[in-house]
């Protein structure tokens, strides 16, 4: 039985209006690989530590292979190109239970 995988992103953008195209294109790629947004820029509260993400995003995929296929896909490459020069992302991939 495969375990779900999660992509966690701290997204910082200098142009929220231009990020709309990135969000549109990334949604296409997420859908294609069976992903689902669990958190997408909602307000948060820091309980411990100093981490202050600008925009926190969590995407769940069926497994690590699907998440990696999403990230390496032509569809997500188009989304990454749409945010080039206007956004910085810290992104990690982690397997769940």
PDB file of N, CA and C in Angstrom:
ATOM      1  N   UNK A   1       0.846  -1.185   0.000  1.00  0.00           N
ATOM      2  CA  UNK A   1       0.000   0.000   0.000  1.00  0.00           C
ATOM      3  C   UNK A   1       0.887   1.242   0.000  1.00  0.00           C
ATOM      4  N   UNK A   2       0.650   2.130  -0.945  1.00  0.00           N
ATOM      5  CA  UNK A   2       1.469   3.339  -1.029  1.00  0.00           C
ATOM      6  C   UNK A   2       1.003   4.372  -0.010  1.00  0.00           C
ATOM      7  N   UNK A   3       1.934   5.219   0.378  1.00  0.00           N
ATOM      8  CA  UNK A   3       1.661   6.276   1.344  1.00  0.00           C
ATOM      9  C   UNK A   3       1.490   7.592   0.596  1.00  0.00           C
ATOM     10  N   UNK A   4       0.622   8.476   1.087  1.00  0.00           N
ATOM     11  CA  UNK A   4       0.500   9.791   0.445  1.00  0.00           C
ATOM     12  C   UNK A   4       1.791  10.581   0.609  1.00  0.00           C
ATOM     13  N   UNK A   5       1.976  11.529  -0.262  1.00  0.00           N
ATOM     14  CA  UNK A   5       3.132  12.422  -0.206  1.00  0.00           C
ATOM     15  C   UNK A   5       2.621  13.852  -0.213  1.00  0.00           C
ATOM     16  N   UNK A   6       3.382  14.714   0.448  1.00  0.00           N
ATOM     17  CA  UNK A   6       2.980  16.106   0.596  1.00  0.00           C
ATOM     18  C   UNK A   6       4.080  17.031   0.104  1.00  0.00           C
ATOM     19  N   UNK A   7       3.692  18.012  -0.673  1.00  0.00           N
ATOM     20  CA  UNK A   7       4.599  19.096  -1.036  1.00  0.00           C
ATOM     21  C   UNK A   7       4.204  20.289  -0.181  1.00  0.00           C
ATOM     22  N   UNK A   8       5.189  20.826   0.537  1.00  0.00           N
ATOM     23  CA  UNK A   8       4.979  21.965   1.425  1.00  0.00           C
ATOM     24  C   UNK A   8       5.774  23.136   0.862  1.00  0.00           C
ATOM     25  N   UNK A   9       5.121  24.283   0.718  1.00  0.00           N
ATOM     26  CA  UNK A   9       5.730  25.432   0.063  1.00  0.00           C
ATOM     27  C   UNK A   9       5.579  26.688   0.928  1.00  0.00           C
ATOM     28  N   UNK A  10       6.660  27.430   1.017  1.00  0.00           N
ATOM     29  CA  UNK A  10       6.615  28.802   1.537  1.00  0.00           C
ATOM     30  C   UNK A  10       6.837  29.680   0.314  1.00  0.00           C
ATOM     31  N   UNK A  11       5.778  30.336  -0.145  1.00  0.00           N
ATOM     32  CA  UNK A  11       5.820  31.132  -1.372  1.00  0.00           C
ATOM     33  C   UNK A  11       5.877  32.613  -1.034  1.00  0.00           C
ATOM     34  N   UNK A  12       6.827  33.301  -1.669  1.00  0.00           N
ATOM     35  CA  UNK A  12       6.957  34.748  -1.512  1.00  0.00           C
ATOM     36  C   UNK A  12       6.906  35.358  -2.911  1.00  0.00           C
ATOM     37  N   UNK A  13       6.026  36.335  -3.079  1.00  0.00           N
ATOM     38  CA  UNK A  13       5.840  36.937  -4.395  1.00  0.00           C
ATOM     39  C   UNK A  13       5.900  38.452  -4.304  1.00  0.00           C
ATOM     40  N   UNK A  14       6.526  39.038  -5.319  1.00  0.00           N
ATOM     41  CA  UNK A  14       6.570  40.497  -5.416  1.00  0.00           C
ATOM     42  C   UNK A  14       5.436  41.035  -6.283  1.00  0.00           C
ATOM     43  N   UNK A  15       4.668  40.131  -6.904  1.00  0.00           N
ATOM     44  CA  UNK A  15       3.604  40.564  -7.812  1.00  0.00           C
ATOM     45  C   UNK A  15       2.419  39.597  -7.717  1.00  0.00           C
ATOM     46  N   UNK A  16       1.578  39.761  -6.705  1.00  0.00           N
ATOM     47  CA  UNK A  16       0.450  38.844  -6.524  1.00  0.00           C
ATOM     48  C   UNK A  16      -0.477  38.758  -7.741  1.00  0.00           C
ATOM     49  N   UNK A  17      -0.624  39.842  -8.488  1.00  0.00           N
ATOM     50  CA  UNK A  17      -1.502  39.798  -9.658  1.00  0.00           C
ATOM     51  C   UNK A  17      -0.948  38.877 -10.740  1.00  0.00           C
ATOM     52  N   UNK A  18       0.358  38.927 -10.979  1.00  0.00           N
ATOM     53  CA  UNK A  18       0.959  38.046 -11.988  1.00  0.00           C
ATOM     54  C   UNK A  18       1.002  36.602 -11.515  1.00  0.00           C
ATOM     55  N   UNK A  19       0.934  36.375 -10.207  1.00  0.00           N
ATOM     56  CA  UNK A  19       0.920  35.011  -9.679  1.00  0.00           C
ATOM     57  C   UNK A  19      -0.371  34.280 -10.020  1.00  0.00           C
ATOM     58  N   UNK A  20      -1.398  34.996 -10.445  1.00  0.00           N
ATOM     59  CA  UNK A  20      -2.656  34.348 -10.829  1.00  0.00           C
ATOM     60  C   UNK A  20      -2.428  33.346 -11.956  1.00  0.00           C
ATOM     61  N   UNK A  21      -1.565  33.668 -12.898  1.00  0.00           N
ATOM     62  CA  UNK A  21      -1.271  32.739 -13.998  1.00  0.00           C
ATOM     63  C   UNK A  21      -0.532  31.512 -13.469  1.00  0.00           C
ATOM     64  N   UNK A  22       0.393  31.691 -12.554  1.00  0.00           N
ATOM     65  CA  UNK A  22       1.065  30.556 -11.931  1.00  0.00           C
ATOM     66  C   UNK A  22       0.037  29.654 -11.246  1.00  0.00           C
ATOM     67  N   UNK A  23      -0.871  30.232 -10.478  1.00  0.00           N
ATOM     68  CA  UNK A  23      -1.871  29.429  -9.765  1.00  0.00           C
ATOM     69  C   UNK A  23      -2.749  28.655 -10.752  1.00  0.00           C
ATOM     70  N   UNK A  24      -3.132  29.288 -11.842  1.00  0.00           N
ATOM     71  CA  UNK A  24      -3.949  28.601 -12.855  1.00  0.00           C
ATOM     72  C   UNK A  24      -3.211  27.409 -13.432  1.00  0.00           C
ATOM     73  N   UNK A  25      -1.954  27.629 -13.824  1.00  0.00           N
ATOM     74  CA  UNK A  25      -1.169  26.561 -14.436  1.00  0.00           C
ATOM     75  C   UNK A  25      -0.812  25.467 -13.429  1.00  0.00           C
ATOM     76  N   UNK A  26      -0.509  25.847 -12.200  1.00  0.00           N
ATOM     77  CA  UNK A  26      -0.164  24.824 -11.208  1.00  0.00           C
ATOM     78  C   UNK A  26      -1.381  23.962 -10.882  1.00  0.00           C
ATOM     79  N   UNK A  27      -2.568  24.553 -10.894  1.00  0.00           N
ATOM     80  CA  UNK A  27      -3.786  23.761 -10.638  1.00  0.00           C
ATOM     81  C   UNK A  27      -3.957  22.681 -11.702  1.00  0.00           C
ATOM     82  N   UNK A  28      -3.675  23.012 -12.951  1.00  0.00           N
ATOM     83  CA  UNK A  28      -3.753  22.033 -14.040  1.00  0.00           C
ATOM     84  C   UNK A  28      -2.806  20.863 -13.757  1.00  0.00           C
ATOM     85  N   UNK A  29      -1.573  21.172 -13.361  1.00  0.00           N
ATOM     86  CA  UNK A  29      -0.577  20.130 -13.095  1.00  0.00           C
ATOM     87  C   UNK A  29      -0.957  19.308 -11.864  1.00  0.00           C
ATOM     88  N   UNK A  30      -1.409  19.961 -10.818  1.00  0.00           N
ATOM     89  CA  UNK A  30      -1.818  19.238  -9.602  1.00  0.00           C
ATOM     90  C   UNK A  30      -2.940  18.262  -9.931  1.00  0.00           C
ATOM     91  N   UNK A  31      -3.945  18.723 -10.660  1.00  0.00           N
ATOM     92  CA  UNK A  31      -5.069  17.857 -11.030  1.00  0.00           C
ATOM     93  C   UNK A  31      -4.613  16.661 -11.854  1.00  0.00           C
ATOM     94  N   UNK A  32      -3.715  16.889 -12.799  1.00  0.00           N
ATOM     95  CA  UNK A  32      -3.264  15.818 -13.691  1.00  0.00           C
ATOM     96  C   UNK A  32      -2.612  14.675 -12.916  1.00  0.00           C
ATOM     97  N   UNK A  33      -1.932  14.976 -11.812  1.00  0.00           N
ATOM     98  CA  UNK A  33      -1.196  13.954 -11.077  1.00  0.00           C
ATOM     99  C   UNK A  33      -1.897  13.541  -9.786  1.00  0.00           C
ATOM    100  N   UNK A  34      -3.199  13.803  -9.714  1.00  0.00           N
ATOM    101  CA  UNK A  34      -4.003  13.322  -8.597  1.00  0.00           C
ATOM    102  C   UNK A  34      -3.782  14.058  -7.298  1.00  0.00           C
ATOM    103  N   UNK A  35      -3.252  15.283  -7.388  1.00  0.00           N
ATOM    104  CA  UNK A  35      -2.999  16.060  -6.187  1.00  0.00           C
ATOM    105  C   UNK A  35      -4.233  16.807  -5.713  1.00  0.00           C
ATOM    106  N   UNK A  36      -4.130  17.276  -4.476  1.00  0.00           N
ATOM    107  CA  UNK A  36      -5.227  18.044  -3.884  1.00  0.00           C
ATOM    108  C   UNK A  36      -4.634  19.065  -2.929  1.00  0.00           C
ATOM    109  N   UNK A  37      -5.029  20.319  -3.095  1.00  0.00           N
ATOM    110  CA  UNK A  37      -4.565  21.363  -2.183  1.00  0.00           C
ATOM    111  C   UNK A  37      -5.232  21.168  -0.831  1.00  0.00           C
ATOM    112  N   UNK A  38      -4.414  21.114   0.224  1.00  0.00           N
ATOM    113  CA  UNK A  38      -4.929  21.034   1.589  1.00  0.00           C
ATOM    114  C   UNK A  38      -4.879  22.401   2.262  1.00  0.00           C
ATOM    115  N   UNK A  39      -3.846  23.167   1.946  1.00  0.00           N
ATOM    116  CA  UNK A  39      -3.676  24.528   2.461  1.00  0.00           C
ATOM    117  C   UNK A  39      -3.211  25.368   1.281  1.00  0.00           C
ATOM    118  N   UNK A  40      -3.833  26.527   1.130  1.00  0.00           N
ATOM    119  CA  UNK A  40      -3.443  27.385   0.005  1.00  0.00           C
ATOM    120  C   UNK A  40      -3.557  28.848   0.425  1.00  0.00           C
ATOM    121  N   UNK A  41      -2.552  29.282   1.205  1.00  0.00           N
ATOM    122  CA  UNK A  41      -2.481  30.678   1.574  1.00  0.00           C
ATOM    123  C   UNK A  41      -3.408  31.102   2.695  1.00  0.00           C
ATOM    124  N   UNK A  42      -3.942  30.154   3.451  1.00  0.00           N
ATOM    125  CA  UNK A  42      -4.837  30.503   4.550  1.00  0.00           C
ATOM    126  C   UNK A  42      -4.062  31.158   5.686  1.00  0.00           C
ATOM    127  N   UNK A  43      -4.737  31.923   6.527  1.00  0.00           N
ATOM    128  CA  UNK A  43      -4.064  32.489   7.702  1.00  0.00           C
ATOM    129  C   UNK A  43      -3.528  31.375   8.601  1.00  0.00           C
ATOM    130  N   UNK A  44      -2.450  31.655   9.301  1.00  0.00           N
ATOM    131  CA  UNK A  44      -1.856  30.668  10.196  1.00  0.00           C
ATOM    132  C   UNK A  44      -1.410  31.358  11.477  1.00  0.00           C
ATOM    133  N   UNK A  45      -1.107  30.543  12.467  1.00  0.00           N
ATOM    134  CA  UNK A  45      -0.625  31.034  13.754  1.00  0.00           C
ATOM    135  C   UNK A  45       0.631  30.261  14.118  1.00  0.00           C
ATOM    136  N   UNK A  46       1.706  30.952  14.397  1.00  0.00           N
ATOM    137  CA  UNK A  46       2.951  30.309  14.817  1.00  0.00           C
ATOM    138  C   UNK A  46       2.800  29.910  16.281  1.00  0.00           C
ATOM    139  N   UNK A  47       2.967  28.624  16.563  1.00  0.00           N
ATOM    140  CA  UNK A  47       2.858  28.127  17.930  1.00  0.00           C
ATOM    141  C   UNK A  47       4.214  28.020  18.608  1.00  0.00           C
ATOM    142  N   UNK A  48       5.254  27.708  17.824  1.00  0.00           N
ATOM    143  CA  UNK A  48       6.618  27.635  18.348  1.00  0.00           C
ATOM    144  C   UNK A  48       7.575  28.043  17.247  1.00  0.00           C
ATOM    145  N   UNK A  49       8.730  28.577  17.635  1.00  0.00           N
ATOM    146  CA  UNK A  49       9.767  28.924  16.673  1.00  0.00           C
ATOM    147  C   UNK A  49       9.535  30.270  16.013  1.00  0.00           C
ATOM    148  N   UNK A  50      10.338  30.513  14.970  1.00  0.00           N
ATOM    149  CA  UNK A  50      10.336  31.812  14.298  1.00  0.00           C
ATOM    150  C   UNK A  50       9.918  31.760  12.835  1.00  0.00           C
ATOM    151  N   UNK A  51       9.449  30.603  12.365  1.00  0.00           N
ATOM    152  CA  UNK A  51       9.083  30.473  10.961  1.00  0.00           C
ATOM    153  C   UNK A  51       7.910  31.389  10.647  1.00  0.00           C
ATOM    154  N   UNK A  52       8.052  32.227   9.612  1.00  0.00           N
ATOM    155  CA  UNK A  52       7.020  33.173   9.197  1.00  0.00           C
ATOM    156  C   UNK A  52       6.798  33.077   7.683  1.00  0.00           C
ATOM    157  N   UNK A  53       6.198  32.000   7.203  1.00  0.00           N
ATOM    158  CA  UNK A  53       5.978  31.911   5.755  1.00  0.00           C
ATOM    159  C   UNK A  53       5.071  33.036   5.271  1.00  0.00           C
ATOM    160  N   UNK A  54       5.371  33.537   4.093  1.00  0.00           N
ATOM    161  CA  UNK A  54       4.515  34.585   3.526  1.00  0.00           C
ATOM    162  C   UNK A  54       3.198  33.982   3.065  1.00  0.00           C
ATOM    163  N   UNK A  55       3.276  32.889   2.323  1.00  0.00           N
ATOM    164  CA  UNK A  55       2.075  32.188   1.830  1.00  0.00           C
ATOM    165  C   UNK A  55       2.374  30.698   1.919  1.00  0.00           C
ATOM    166  N   UNK A  56       1.700  30.018   2.815  1.00  0.00           N
ATOM    167  CA  UNK A  56       1.932  28.598   3.043  1.00  0.00           C
ATOM    168  C   UNK A  56       0.982  27.770   2.187  1.00  0.00           C
ATOM    169  N   UNK A  57       1.560  26.785   1.490  1.00  0.00           N
ATOM    170  CA  UNK A  57       0.771  25.906   0.626  1.00  0.00           C
ATOM    171  C   UNK A  57       1.161  24.461   0.937  1.00  0.00           C
ATOM    172  N   UNK A  58       0.160  23.587   1.048  1.00  0.00           N
ATOM    173  CA  UNK A  58       0.386  22.158   1.237  1.00  0.00           C
ATOM    174  C   UNK A  58      -0.461  21.425   0.202  1.00  0.00           C
ATOM    175  N   UNK A  59       0.203  20.561  -0.584  1.00  0.00           N
ATOM    176  CA  UNK A  59      -0.487  19.785  -1.611  1.00  0.00           C
ATOM    177  C   UNK A  59      -0.258  18.310  -1.318  1.00  0.00           C
ATOM    178  N   UNK A  60      -1.333  17.528  -1.309  1.00  0.00           N
ATOM    179  CA  UNK A  60      -1.235  16.088  -1.082  1.00  0.00           C
ATOM    180  C   UNK A  60      -1.333  15.354  -2.418  1.00  0.00           C
ATOM    181  N   UNK A  61      -0.449  14.371  -2.604  1.00  0.00           N
ATOM    182  CA  UNK A  61      -0.465  13.504  -3.780  1.00  0.00           C
ATOM    183  C   UNK A  61      -0.648  12.063  -3.320  1.00  0.00           C
ATOM    184  N   UNK A  62      -1.087  11.182  -4.217  1.00  0.00           N
ATOM    185  CA  UNK A  62      -1.309   9.785  -3.828  1.00  0.00           C
ATOM    186  C   UNK A  62      -0.053   9.087  -3.297  1.00  0.00           C
ATOM    187  N   UNK A  63       1.118   9.467  -3.835  1.00  0.00           N
ATOM    188  CA  UNK A  63       2.372   8.842  -3.408  1.00  0.00           C
ATOM    189  C   UNK A  63       3.547   9.694  -3.886  1.00  0.00           C
ATOM    190  N   UNK A  64       4.765   9.292  -3.467  1.00  0.00           N
ATOM    191  CA  UNK A  64       5.968  10.045  -3.853  1.00  0.00           C
ATOM    192  C   UNK A  64       6.144  10.114  -5.357  1.00  0.00           C
ATOM    193  N   UNK A  65       5.858   9.014  -6.042  1.00  0.00           N
ATOM    194  CA  UNK A  65       6.049   8.980  -7.494  1.00  0.00           C
ATOM    195  C   UNK A  65       5.159  10.003  -8.185  1.00  0.00           C
ATOM    196  N   UNK A  66       3.905  10.113  -7.751  1.00  0.00           N
ATOM    197  CA  UNK A  66       2.992  11.096  -8.358  1.00  0.00           C
ATOM    198  C   UNK A  66       3.465  12.519  -8.086  1.00  0.00           C
ATOM    199  N   UNK A  67       3.946  12.764  -6.867  1.00  0.00           N
ATOM    200  CA  UNK A  67       4.431  14.105  -6.521  1.00  0.00           C
ATOM    201  C   UNK A  67       5.655  14.473  -7.349  1.00  0.00           C
ATOM    202  N   UNK A  68       6.575  13.530  -7.506  1.00  0.00           N
ATOM    203  CA  UNK A  68       7.763  13.796  -8.320  1.00  0.00           C
ATOM    204  C   UNK A  68       7.395  13.978  -9.788  1.00  0.00           C
ATOM    205  N   UNK A  69       6.450  13.169 -10.270  1.00  0.00           N
ATOM    206  CA  UNK A  69       6.003  13.315 -11.661  1.00  0.00           C
ATOM    207  C   UNK A  69       5.358  14.684 -11.877  1.00  0.00           C
ATOM    208  N   UNK A  70       4.579  15.145 -10.897  1.00  0.00           N
ATOM    209  CA  UNK A  70       4.004  16.490 -10.959  1.00  0.00           C
ATOM    210  C   UNK A  70       5.108  17.528 -11.100  1.00  0.00           C
ATOM    211  N   UNK A  71       6.091  17.477 -10.200  1.00  0.00           N
ATOM    212  CA  UNK A  71       7.134  18.503 -10.181  1.00  0.00           C
ATOM    213  C   UNK A  71       7.938  18.518 -11.479  1.00  0.00           C
ATOM    214  N   UNK A  72       8.193  17.354 -12.052  1.00  0.00           N
ATOM    215  CA  UNK A  72       9.011  17.246 -13.265  1.00  0.00           C
ATOM    216  C   UNK A  72       8.208  17.375 -14.557  1.00  0.00           C
ATOM    217  N   UNK A  73       6.900  17.547 -14.465  1.00  0.00           N
ATOM    218  CA  UNK A  73       6.046  17.536 -15.655  1.00  0.00           C
ATOM    219  C   UNK A  73       6.168  18.819 -16.474  1.00  0.00           C
ATOM    220  N   UNK A  74       5.876  18.711 -17.781  1.00  0.00           N
ATOM    221  CA  UNK A  74       5.830  19.912 -18.618  1.00  0.00           C
ATOM    222  C   UNK A  74       4.783  20.915 -18.125  1.00  0.00           C
ATOM    223  N   UNK A  75       3.692  20.409 -17.559  1.00  0.00           N
ATOM    224  CA  UNK A  75       2.640  21.302 -17.069  1.00  0.00           C
ATOM    225  C   UNK A  75       3.151  22.156 -15.902  1.00  0.00           C
ATOM    226  N   UNK A  76       3.887  21.538 -14.975  1.00  0.00           N
ATOM    227  CA  UNK A  76       4.382  22.330 -13.854  1.00  0.00           C
ATOM    228  C   UNK A  76       5.587  23.173 -14.266  1.00  0.00           C
ATOM    229  N   UNK A  77       6.339  22.729 -15.244  1.00  0.00           N
ATOM    230  CA  UNK A  77       7.425  23.564 -15.778  1.00  0.00           C
ATOM    231  C   UNK A  77       6.847  24.876 -16.314  1.00  0.00           C
ATOM    232  N   UNK A  78       5.710  24.805 -17.003  1.00  0.00           N
ATOM    233  CA  UNK A  78       5.060  26.024 -17.508  1.00  0.00           C
ATOM    234  C   UNK A  78       4.654  26.934 -16.349  1.00  0.00           C
ATOM    235  N   UNK A  79       4.170  26.344 -15.259  1.00  0.00           N
ATOM    236  CA  UNK A  79       3.798  27.145 -14.087  1.00  0.00           C
ATOM    237  C   UNK A  79       5.031  27.793 -13.463  1.00  0.00           C
ATOM    238  N   UNK A  80       6.119  27.036 -13.344  1.00  0.00           N
ATOM    239  CA  UNK A  80       7.350  27.594 -12.772  1.00  0.00           C
ATOM    240  C   UNK A  80       7.873  28.738 -13.635  1.00  0.00           C
ATOM    241  N   UNK A  81       7.773  28.586 -14.941  1.00  0.00           N
ATOM    242  CA  UNK A  81       8.216  29.657 -15.833  1.00  0.00           C
ATOM    243  C   UNK A  81       7.345  30.904 -15.668  1.00  0.00           C
ATOM    244  N   UNK A  82       6.053  30.705 -15.387  1.00  0.00           N
ATOM    245  CA  UNK A  82       5.142  31.843 -15.201  1.00  0.00           C
ATOM    246  C   UNK A  82       5.485  32.639 -13.947  1.00  0.00           C
ATOM    247  N   UNK A  83       6.094  32.002 -12.956  1.00  0.00           N
ATOM    248  CA  UNK A  83       6.442  32.727 -11.724  1.00  0.00           C
ATOM    249  C   UNK A  83       7.895  33.178 -11.687  1.00  0.00           C
ATOM    250  N   UNK A  84       8.654  32.851 -12.717  1.00  0.00           N
ATOM    251  CA  UNK A  84      10.073  33.228 -12.760  1.00  0.00           C
ATOM    252  C   UNK A  84      10.213  34.746 -12.665  1.00  0.00           C
ATOM    253  N   UNK A  85      11.088  35.180 -11.773  1.00  0.00           N
ATOM    254  CA  UNK A  85      11.366  36.596 -11.618  1.00  0.00           C
ATOM    255  C   UNK A  85      10.401  37.359 -10.733  1.00  0.00           C
ATOM    256  N   UNK A  86       9.307  36.722 -10.325  1.00  0.00           N
ATOM    257  CA  UNK A  86       8.334  37.417  -9.470  1.00  0.00           C
ATOM    258  C   UNK A  86       8.071  36.681  -8.161  1.00  0.00           C
ATOM    259  N   UNK A  87       8.677  35.497  -7.989  1.00  0.00           N
ATOM    260  CA  UNK A  87       8.400  34.724  -6.775  1.00  0.00           C
ATOM    261  C   UNK A  87       9.613  33.889  -6.387  1.00  0.00           C
ATOM    262  N   UNK A  88       9.752  33.686  -5.084  1.00  0.00           N
ATOM    263  CA  UNK A  88      10.740  32.771  -4.527  1.00  0.00           C
ATOM    264  C   UNK A  88       9.985  31.732  -3.729  1.00  0.00           C
ATOM    265  N   UNK A  89      10.335  30.478  -3.936  1.00  0.00           N
ATOM    266  CA  UNK A  89       9.671  29.386  -3.230  1.00  0.00           C
ATOM    267  C   UNK A  89      10.697  28.592  -2.453  1.00  0.00           C
ATOM    268  N   UNK A  90      10.355  28.206  -1.226  1.00  0.00           N
ATOM    269  CA  UNK A  90      11.014  27.120  -0.515  1.00  0.00           C
ATOM    270  C   UNK A  90      10.028  25.980  -0.573  1.00  0.00           C
ATOM    271  N   UNK A  91      10.467  24.825  -1.087  1.00  0.00           N
ATOM    272  CA  UNK A  91       9.555  23.724  -1.324  1.00  0.00           C
ATOM    273  C   UNK A  91      10.197  22.428  -0.877  1.00  0.00           C
ATOM    274  N   UNK A  92       9.416  21.601  -0.183  1.00  0.00           N
ATOM    275  CA  UNK A  92       9.934  20.290   0.184  1.00  0.00           C
ATOM    276  C   UNK A  92       8.879  19.236  -0.076  1.00  0.00           C
ATOM    277  N   UNK A  93       9.366  18.018  -0.224  1.00  0.00           N
ATOM    278  CA  UNK A  93       8.514  16.853  -0.469  1.00  0.00           C
ATOM    279  C   UNK A  93       8.720  15.891   0.687  1.00  0.00           C
ATOM    280  N   UNK A  94       7.629  15.416   1.267  1.00  0.00           N
ATOM    281  CA  UNK A  94       7.725  14.496   2.393  1.00  0.00           C
ATOM    282  C   UNK A  94       6.641  13.405   2.241  1.00  0.00           C
ATOM    283  N   UNK A  95       7.025  12.186   2.580  1.00  0.00           N
ATOM    284  CA  UNK A  95       6.076  11.075   2.552  1.00  0.00           C
ATOM    285  C   UNK A  95       5.287  11.063   3.857  1.00  0.00           C
ATOM    286  N   UNK A  96       4.016  10.759   3.774  1.00  0.00           N
ATOM    287  CA  UNK A  96       3.162  10.716   4.952  1.00  0.00           C
ATOM    288  C   UNK A  96       2.915   9.293   5.422  1.00  0.00           C
ATOM    289  N   UNK A  97       1.872   9.139   6.205  1.00  0.00           N
ATOM    290  CA  UNK A  97       1.484   7.822   6.735  1.00  0.00           C
ATOM    291  C   UNK A  97       0.433   7.205   5.875  1.00  0.00           C
TER     292      UNK A  97
END
